[in-house]
Amino acid sequence: MAVHTGTAGNITFTYDSTNLLVELHPARWTLDISVDTHDTTPFSPAGGARTKIPGLQTATGTATGFLDDANKFDNTLMTNAMSAGTATCLLTSTTGRTFTLEARLSNWSVVTPADSPVTWSLAFTVTDDATNFITSA
């Protein structure tokens, strides 16, 4: 499993090429990429080494941030956008690698503590082929 983290980027929902629904700028994000493996070890000869091949890839992650002037946000629009489809995510890792991907968002929450800034958090599942969304190293 490859785990990437970062503190920069943006997550946007649009319903067509000109109408921005939601734009979020995460203060922190994670991206976990894993690959299933399949055992292909033959039954003979006995005592041979195990062999495996890669299978399907899965990529999931989380993002958190602050609700401030940098974030275009409306709770009703966010709820509608999450049920309508995917978001475009541009994430820059702490090592400088950039990830551009489409993801389905889930577990949206907003926390409004009495004595702290309002924060948001969400989880996402990448809908792209996980090998194709790394755009720079």
Protein backbone atom coordinates (compact mmCIF):
# COMPACT_ATOMS: atom_id res chain seq x y z
CA MET A 1 0.00 0.00 0.00
CA ALA A 2 1.29 3.44 -0.89
CA VAL A 3 0.22 6.24 1.40
CA HIS A 4 0.59 9.84 0.24
CA THR A 5 -0.14 12.92 2.34
CA GLY A 6 -0.29 16.61 1.66
CA THR A 7 -1.34 20.05 2.80
CA ALA A 8 -2.21 21.71 -0.51
CA GLY A 9 -4.71 21.28 -3.31
CA ASN A 10 -8.33 21.76 -4.22
CA ILE A 11 -11.47 19.69 -4.62
CA THR A 12 -14.15 21.01 -6.98
CA PHE A 13 -17.63 19.90 -7.98
CA THR A 14 -19.14 21.18 -11.21
CA TYR A 15 -22.36 20.20 -12.90
CA ASP A 16 -21.20 21.47 -16.27
CA SER A 17 -18.09 23.18 -17.58
CA THR A 18 -19.09 26.66 -16.38
CA ASN A 19 -21.03 26.28 -13.13
CA LEU A 20 -18.94 25.70 -10.03
CA LEU A 21 -20.91 24.16 -7.20
CA VAL A 22 -18.34 23.74 -4.47
CA GLU A 23 -14.63 24.48 -4.21
CA LEU A 24 -12.71 23.24 -1.18
CA HIS A 25 -9.06 23.77 -0.25
CA PRO A 26 -7.93 21.03 2.13
CA ALA A 27 -5.52 21.89 4.93
CA ARG A 28 -4.55 18.20 5.12
CA TRP A 29 -5.28 15.13 2.99
CA THR A 30 -4.26 11.48 2.65
CA LEU A 31 -4.38 9.13 -0.34
CA ASP A 32 -4.02 5.37 0.14
CA ILE A 33 -3.33 3.24 -2.96
CA SER A 34 -3.46 -0.54 -2.65
CA VAL A 35 -3.20 -3.43 -5.10
CA ASP A 36 -4.79 -6.84 -4.62
CA THR A 37 -2.51 -9.82 -5.23
CA HIS A 38 -3.52 -13.20 -6.58
CA ASP A 39 -1.71 -16.42 -5.78
CA THR A 40 -0.63 -18.25 -8.96
CA THR A 41 1.54 -20.90 -7.31
CA PRO A 42 1.33 -24.23 -9.23
CA PHE A 43 0.49 -27.39 -7.30
CA SER A 44 3.61 -29.12 -8.55
CA PRO A 45 6.46 -29.45 -8.10
CA ALA A 46 6.04 -29.71 -4.35
CA GLY A 47 8.08 -27.29 -2.29
CA GLY A 48 8.24 -24.61 -4.99
CA ALA A 49 8.20 -20.91 -4.20
CA ARG A 50 4.90 -19.05 -4.12
CA THR A 51 4.14 -16.82 -7.08
CA LYS A 52 1.74 -13.88 -7.17
CA ILE A 53 0.43 -11.43 -9.77
CA PRO A 54 -1.04 -7.96 -9.22
CA GLY A 55 -4.80 -7.56 -9.34
CA LEU A 56 -7.20 -4.65 -9.05
CA GLN A 57 -6.10 -1.32 -7.60
CA THR A 58 -8.07 0.68 -5.08
CA ALA A 59 -7.42 4.26 -4.01
CA THR A 60 -9.18 5.98 -1.12
CA GLY A 61 -8.47 9.00 1.00
CA THR A 62 -9.57 11.70 3.39
CA ALA A 63 -9.39 15.49 3.41
CA THR A 64 -9.96 18.11 6.08
CA GLY A 65 -9.94 21.89 6.07
CA PHE A 66 -11.35 25.11 7.43
CA LEU A 67 -14.54 26.82 6.27
CA ASP A 68 -13.29 30.30 5.46
CA ASP A 69 -13.27 32.77 2.57
CA ALA A 70 -10.97 30.46 0.54
CA ASN A 71 -13.67 27.79 0.37
CA LYS A 72 -16.76 28.23 -1.79
CA PHE A 73 -19.30 26.26 0.18
CA ASP A 74 -23.02 25.80 0.61
CA ASN A 75 -24.24 22.81 2.61
CA THR A 76 -27.26 22.20 0.34
CA LEU A 77 -25.09 22.38 -2.78
CA MET A 78 -22.51 20.07 -1.19
CA THR A 79 -25.16 17.48 -0.38
CA ASN A 80 -26.57 17.70 -3.92
CA ALA A 81 -23.11 17.56 -5.49
CA MET A 82 -22.12 14.48 -3.48
CA SER A 83 -25.19 12.59 -4.61
CA ALA A 84 -24.85 13.74 -8.23
CA GLY A 85 -21.45 12.36 -9.11
CA THR A 86 -17.74 12.78 -8.81
CA ALA A 87 -15.45 15.65 -7.89
CA THR A 88 -12.24 16.70 -9.56
CA CYS A 89 -9.35 16.66 -7.11
CA LEU A 90 -5.94 18.28 -7.58
CA LEU A 91 -3.76 17.33 -4.63
CA THR A 92 -0.10 18.21 -4.04
CA SER A 93 1.81 15.95 -1.66
CA THR A 94 4.35 17.06 0.90
CA THR A 95 7.06 15.69 -1.43
CA GLY A 96 5.83 17.80 -4.36
CA ARG A 97 4.07 15.02 -6.31
CA THR A 98 0.79 16.15 -7.88
CA PHE A 99 -2.28 13.92 -8.16
CA THR A 100 -5.14 14.83 -10.51
CA LEU A 101 -8.09 12.49 -10.08
CA GLU A 102 -11.84 12.02 -10.14
CA ALA A 103 -13.35 10.80 -6.89
CA ARG A 104 -16.70 10.06 -5.32
CA LEU A 105 -16.95 11.85 -1.99
CA SER A 106 -18.61 10.49 1.14
CA ASN A 107 -18.85 11.07 4.88
CA TRP A 108 -19.09 14.86 4.58
CA SER A 109 -19.15 16.61 7.95
CA VAL A 110 -18.86 20.13 9.32
CA VAL A 111 -17.81 20.81 12.90
CA THR A 112 -18.67 24.15 14.53
CA PRO A 113 -16.99 24.31 17.93
CA ALA A 114 -17.81 27.30 20.11
CA ASP A 115 -14.23 28.53 20.50
CA SER A 116 -12.46 27.33 17.32
CA PRO A 117 -12.68 27.77 13.53
CA VAL A 118 -15.35 25.84 11.64
CA THR A 119 -13.82 22.77 9.98
CA TRP A 120 -14.95 20.29 7.34
CA SER A 121 -13.92 16.72 6.60
CA LEU A 122 -14.73 14.11 3.98
CA ALA A 123 -13.66 10.74 2.64
CA PHE A 124 -13.25 9.86 -1.01
CA THR A 125 -12.90 6.87 -3.32
CA VAL A 126 -10.99 7.39 -6.55
CA THR A 127 -12.96 6.47 -9.68
CA ASP A 128 -9.96 6.74 -12.06
CA ASP A 129 -7.51 3.96 -12.81
CA ALA A 130 -5.09 4.39 -9.91
CA THR A 131 -2.04 4.12 -12.19
CA ASN A 132 -3.13 7.04 -14.36
CA PHE A 133 -3.74 9.91 -11.97
CA ILE A 134 -0.21 10.75 -10.86
CA THR A 135 0.60 13.75 -13.03
CA SER A 136 4.05 14.68 -11.74
CA ALA A 137 6.78 13.11 -9.67
